[in-house]
Amino acid sequence: LVSEDEAVLGFTSAMVWLAVMTVITALLSEYVVSTIEAASESWELSVSFISIILIPIVGNAAEHAGAIIFAFKNKLVSRIRSSGPVHTH
């Protein structure tokens, strides 16, 4: 068992992990940007439309599918409760 006060990673290994993950994130981000630009030219859509409209819709597809499945099973109330606090102002 690991106590709550005991560090799992040391400072040096944490910094190495941070650097490695930063490089991986930068590489993947560059890939995404180049893919969006290529798709923009191929589909004749603006980069802004793809970035602001299409990517968030595709990114939330699993959540949308879950909402539809719960709604069809008459569990809409449980789906609304599980999605977090609802503010109705």
N, C-alpha and C. Protein backbone atom coordinates (compact mmCIF):
# COMPACT_ATOMS: atom_id res chain seq x y z
N LEU A 1 0.83 -1.20 0.00
CA LEU A 1 0.00 0.00 0.00
C LEU A 1 0.87 1.25 0.00
N VAL A 2 0.41 2.26 -0.70
CA VAL A 2 1.12 3.53 -0.77
C VAL A 2 0.35 4.54 0.07
N SER A 3 1.06 5.17 1.00
CA SER A 3 0.38 6.18 1.81
C SER A 3 0.17 7.43 0.97
N GLU A 4 -0.77 8.27 1.39
CA GLU A 4 -1.10 9.48 0.64
C GLU A 4 0.05 10.48 0.64
N ASP A 5 0.90 10.45 1.65
CA ASP A 5 1.99 11.41 1.75
C ASP A 5 3.21 11.01 0.92
N GLU A 6 3.28 9.76 0.52
CA GLU A 6 4.43 9.25 -0.20
C GLU A 6 4.30 9.57 -1.70
N ALA A 7 5.33 10.19 -2.27
CA ALA A 7 5.31 10.54 -3.70
C ALA A 7 5.48 9.28 -4.54
N VAL A 8 4.72 9.18 -5.60
CA VAL A 8 4.83 8.04 -6.49
C VAL A 8 5.99 8.25 -7.46
N LEU A 9 6.15 9.48 -7.94
CA LEU A 9 7.25 9.84 -8.84
C LEU A 9 8.15 10.85 -8.15
N GLY A 10 9.41 10.76 -8.43
CA GLY A 10 10.32 11.78 -7.95
C GLY A 10 10.26 13.00 -8.86
N PHE A 11 10.90 14.07 -8.45
CA PHE A 11 10.88 15.31 -9.22
C PHE A 11 11.48 15.12 -10.61
N THR A 12 12.62 14.44 -10.68
CA THR A 12 13.29 14.25 -11.97
C THR A 12 12.44 13.42 -12.92
N SER A 13 11.90 12.30 -12.44
CA SER A 13 11.08 11.49 -13.33
C SER A 13 9.79 12.20 -13.72
N ALA A 14 9.24 13.02 -12.84
CA ALA A 14 8.05 13.79 -13.19
C ALA A 14 8.37 14.80 -14.30
N MET A 15 9.54 15.44 -14.22
CA MET A 15 9.94 16.40 -15.25
C MET A 15 10.21 15.70 -16.59
N VAL A 16 10.78 14.50 -16.53
CA VAL A 16 11.01 13.74 -17.76
C VAL A 16 9.68 13.38 -18.41
N TRP A 17 8.74 12.88 -17.60
CA TRP A 17 7.40 12.55 -18.13
C TRP A 17 6.72 13.79 -18.71
N LEU A 18 6.85 14.91 -18.03
CA LEU A 18 6.25 16.15 -18.52
C LEU A 18 6.84 16.54 -19.87
N ALA A 19 8.16 16.45 -20.00
CA ALA A 19 8.82 16.79 -21.27
C ALA A 19 8.40 15.84 -22.38
N VAL A 20 8.38 14.55 -22.09
CA VAL A 20 7.99 13.56 -23.10
C VAL A 20 6.55 13.78 -23.56
N MET A 21 5.65 13.98 -22.62
CA MET A 21 4.25 14.19 -22.97
C MET A 21 4.04 15.51 -23.72
N THR A 22 4.84 16.52 -23.40
CA THR A 22 4.77 17.79 -24.12
C THR A 22 5.18 17.61 -25.57
N VAL A 23 6.24 16.86 -25.81
CA VAL A 23 6.70 16.60 -27.18
C VAL A 23 5.65 15.79 -27.94
N ILE A 24 5.10 14.77 -27.32
CA ILE A 24 4.07 13.95 -27.97
C ILE A 24 2.85 14.80 -28.32
N THR A 25 2.42 15.65 -27.38
CA THR A 25 1.28 16.53 -27.63
C THR A 25 1.56 17.49 -28.78
N ALA A 26 2.76 18.04 -28.83
CA ALA A 26 3.12 18.96 -29.92
C ALA A 26 3.11 18.24 -31.26
N LEU A 27 3.64 17.03 -31.31
CA LEU A 27 3.65 16.27 -32.56
C LEU A 27 2.24 15.92 -33.02
N LEU A 28 1.42 15.47 -32.10
CA LEU A 28 0.04 15.14 -32.46
C LEU A 28 -0.75 16.37 -32.87
N SER A 29 -0.50 17.50 -32.22
CA SER A 29 -1.18 18.74 -32.58
C SER A 29 -0.80 19.17 -33.99
N GLU A 30 0.47 19.03 -34.32
CA GLU A 30 0.93 19.37 -35.68
C GLU A 30 0.26 18.47 -36.71
N TYR A 31 0.11 17.20 -36.38
CA TYR A 31 -0.57 16.26 -37.27
C TYR A 31 -2.03 16.65 -37.47
N VAL A 32 -2.72 17.00 -36.38
CA VAL A 32 -4.12 17.40 -36.47
C VAL A 32 -4.27 18.65 -37.33
N VAL A 33 -3.42 19.63 -37.13
CA VAL A 33 -3.50 20.87 -37.90
C VAL A 33 -3.29 20.59 -39.38
N SER A 34 -2.29 19.79 -39.72
CA SER A 34 -2.04 19.50 -41.14
C SER A 34 -3.19 18.70 -41.75
N THR A 35 -3.79 17.82 -40.96
CA THR A 35 -4.93 17.05 -41.45
C THR A 35 -6.14 17.95 -41.68
N ILE A 36 -6.37 18.89 -40.77
CA ILE A 36 -7.48 19.83 -40.94
C ILE A 36 -7.27 20.68 -42.19
N GLU A 37 -6.05 21.14 -42.40
CA GLU A 37 -5.77 21.95 -43.59
C GLU A 37 -5.98 21.14 -44.87
N ALA A 38 -5.55 19.88 -44.88
CA ALA A 38 -5.74 19.03 -46.06
C ALA A 38 -7.23 18.75 -46.29
N ALA A 39 -7.96 18.48 -45.22
CA ALA A 39 -9.40 18.24 -45.35
C ALA A 39 -10.12 19.50 -45.83
N SER A 40 -9.68 20.64 -45.37
CA SER A 40 -10.27 21.91 -45.79
C SER A 40 -10.13 22.09 -47.30
N GLU A 41 -8.97 21.81 -47.83
CA GLU A 41 -8.75 21.94 -49.28
C GLU A 41 -9.53 20.88 -50.05
N SER A 42 -9.53 19.66 -49.55
CA SER A 42 -10.19 18.55 -50.23
C SER A 42 -11.71 18.72 -50.26
N TRP A 43 -12.30 19.13 -49.14
CA TRP A 43 -13.75 19.26 -49.03
C TRP A 43 -14.26 20.64 -49.40
N GLU A 44 -13.33 21.54 -49.69
CA GLU A 44 -13.67 22.93 -50.01
C GLU A 44 -14.50 23.59 -48.90
N LEU A 45 -14.07 23.36 -47.67
CA LEU A 45 -14.66 23.99 -46.49
C LEU A 45 -13.58 24.82 -45.82
N SER A 46 -14.01 25.85 -45.10
CA SER A 46 -13.02 26.67 -44.42
C SER A 46 -12.44 25.94 -43.21
N VAL A 47 -11.22 26.27 -42.88
CA VAL A 47 -10.56 25.69 -41.70
C VAL A 47 -11.35 26.05 -40.45
N SER A 48 -11.89 27.26 -40.41
CA SER A 48 -12.68 27.70 -39.24
C SER A 48 -13.91 26.82 -39.06
N PHE A 49 -14.62 26.52 -40.14
CA PHE A 49 -15.82 25.69 -40.05
C PHE A 49 -15.47 24.30 -39.52
N ILE A 50 -14.43 23.72 -40.06
CA ILE A 50 -14.02 22.39 -39.60
C ILE A 50 -13.61 22.43 -38.13
N SER A 51 -12.85 23.45 -37.75
CA SER A 51 -12.34 23.54 -36.38
C SER A 51 -13.41 23.87 -35.36
N ILE A 52 -14.33 24.76 -35.73
CA ILE A 52 -15.32 25.25 -34.76
C ILE A 52 -16.59 24.41 -34.74
N ILE A 53 -16.97 23.84 -35.88
CA ILE A 53 -18.23 23.11 -35.98
C ILE A 53 -18.03 21.59 -36.02
N LEU A 54 -17.29 21.11 -37.00
CA LEU A 54 -17.21 19.66 -37.21
C LEU A 54 -16.44 18.91 -36.13
N ILE A 55 -15.29 19.39 -35.74
CA ILE A 55 -14.47 18.67 -34.75
C ILE A 55 -15.19 18.53 -33.40
N PRO A 56 -15.83 19.59 -32.87
CA PRO A 56 -16.56 19.38 -31.61
C PRO A 56 -17.73 18.40 -31.73
N ILE A 57 -18.42 18.40 -32.87
CA ILE A 57 -19.52 17.46 -33.05
C ILE A 57 -18.99 16.03 -33.06
N VAL A 58 -17.95 15.79 -33.82
CA VAL A 58 -17.36 14.44 -33.88
C VAL A 58 -16.77 14.05 -32.53
N GLY A 59 -16.15 15.00 -31.85
CA GLY A 59 -15.56 14.72 -30.54
C GLY A 59 -16.58 14.35 -29.49
N ASN A 60 -17.80 14.87 -29.63
CA ASN A 60 -18.85 14.58 -28.66
C ASN A 60 -19.82 13.51 -29.15
N ALA A 61 -19.47 12.81 -30.22
CA ALA A 61 -20.38 11.83 -30.81
C ALA A 61 -20.77 10.74 -29.81
N ALA A 62 -19.84 10.27 -29.00
CA ALA A 62 -20.16 9.22 -28.02
C ALA A 62 -21.16 9.74 -26.99
N GLU A 63 -20.98 10.98 -26.54
CA GLU A 63 -21.92 11.56 -25.58
C GLU A 63 -23.30 11.73 -26.21
N HIS A 64 -23.34 12.17 -27.46
CA HIS A 64 -24.62 12.33 -28.15
C HIS A 64 -25.31 10.98 -28.31
N ALA A 65 -24.56 9.95 -28.68
CA ALA A 65 -25.13 8.62 -28.84
C ALA A 65 -25.67 8.10 -27.51
N GLY A 66 -24.95 8.33 -26.43
CA GLY A 66 -25.42 7.93 -25.10
C GLY A 66 -26.71 8.63 -24.72
N ALA A 67 -26.82 9.91 -25.03
CA ALA A 67 -28.03 10.66 -24.72
C ALA A 67 -29.22 10.11 -25.50
N ILE A 68 -29.01 9.76 -26.75
CA ILE A 68 -30.10 9.21 -27.57
C ILE A 68 -30.52 7.85 -27.05
N ILE A 69 -29.57 7.00 -26.70
CA ILE A 69 -29.89 5.67 -26.18
C ILE A 69 -30.67 5.76 -24.88
N PHE A 70 -30.22 6.63 -23.96
CA PHE A 70 -30.94 6.81 -22.70
C PHE A 70 -32.34 7.35 -22.95
N ALA A 71 -32.49 8.26 -23.90
CA ALA A 71 -33.81 8.83 -24.19
C ALA A 71 -34.75 7.76 -24.73
N PHE A 72 -34.25 6.90 -25.59
CA PHE A 72 -35.09 5.83 -26.12
C PHE A 72 -35.48 4.82 -25.05
N LYS A 73 -34.68 4.69 -24.03
CA LYS A 73 -34.98 3.76 -22.95
C LYS A 73 -35.76 4.43 -21.82
N ASN A 74 -36.31 5.62 -22.09
CA ASN A 74 -37.08 6.39 -21.10
C ASN A 74 -36.27 6.68 -19.85
N LYS A 75 -35.00 6.91 -20.01
CA LYS A 75 -34.14 7.24 -18.89
C LYS A 75 -33.57 8.63 -19.08
N LEU A 76 -34.37 9.50 -19.68
CA LEU A 76 -33.90 10.84 -19.96
C LEU A 76 -33.57 11.58 -18.68
N VAL A 77 -34.36 11.38 -17.63
CA VAL A 77 -34.10 12.06 -16.37
C VAL A 77 -32.75 11.64 -15.80
N SER A 78 -32.43 10.35 -15.85
CA SER A 78 -31.14 9.90 -15.33
C SER A 78 -30.00 10.44 -16.18
N ARG A 79 -30.23 10.60 -17.47
CA ARG A 79 -29.19 11.15 -18.35
C ARG A 79 -28.95 12.61 -18.02
N ILE A 80 -30.01 13.35 -17.78
CA ILE A 80 -29.86 14.77 -17.44
C ILE A 80 -29.13 14.90 -16.11
N ARG A 81 -29.48 14.08 -15.15
CA ARG A 81 -28.81 14.14 -13.84
C ARG A 81 -27.34 13.78 -13.95
N SER A 82 -27.01 12.82 -14.81
CA SER A 82 -25.62 12.39 -14.91
C SER A 82 -24.76 13.36 -15.71
N SER A 83 -25.38 14.30 -16.41
CA SER A 83 -24.60 15.23 -17.24
C SER A 83 -24.11 16.42 -16.45
N GLY A 84 -24.41 16.49 -15.18
CA GLY A 84 -23.89 17.58 -14.36
C GLY A 84 -24.99 18.55 -13.96
N PRO A 85 -24.60 19.60 -13.27
CA PRO A 85 -25.59 20.57 -12.80
C PRO A 85 -26.24 21.31 -13.95
N VAL A 86 -27.53 21.51 -13.82
CA VAL A 86 -28.28 22.24 -14.84
C VAL A 86 -28.65 23.60 -14.26
N HIS A 87 -28.27 24.65 -14.96
CA HIS A 87 -28.57 26.01 -14.52
C HIS A 87 -29.66 26.58 -15.41
N THR A 88 -30.80 26.90 -14.84
CA THR A 88 -31.89 27.48 -15.62
C THR A 88 -32.16 28.88 -15.13
N HIS A 89 -31.49 29.83 -15.74
CA HIS A 89 -31.69 31.23 -15.38
C HIS A 89 -32.45 31.90 -16.49
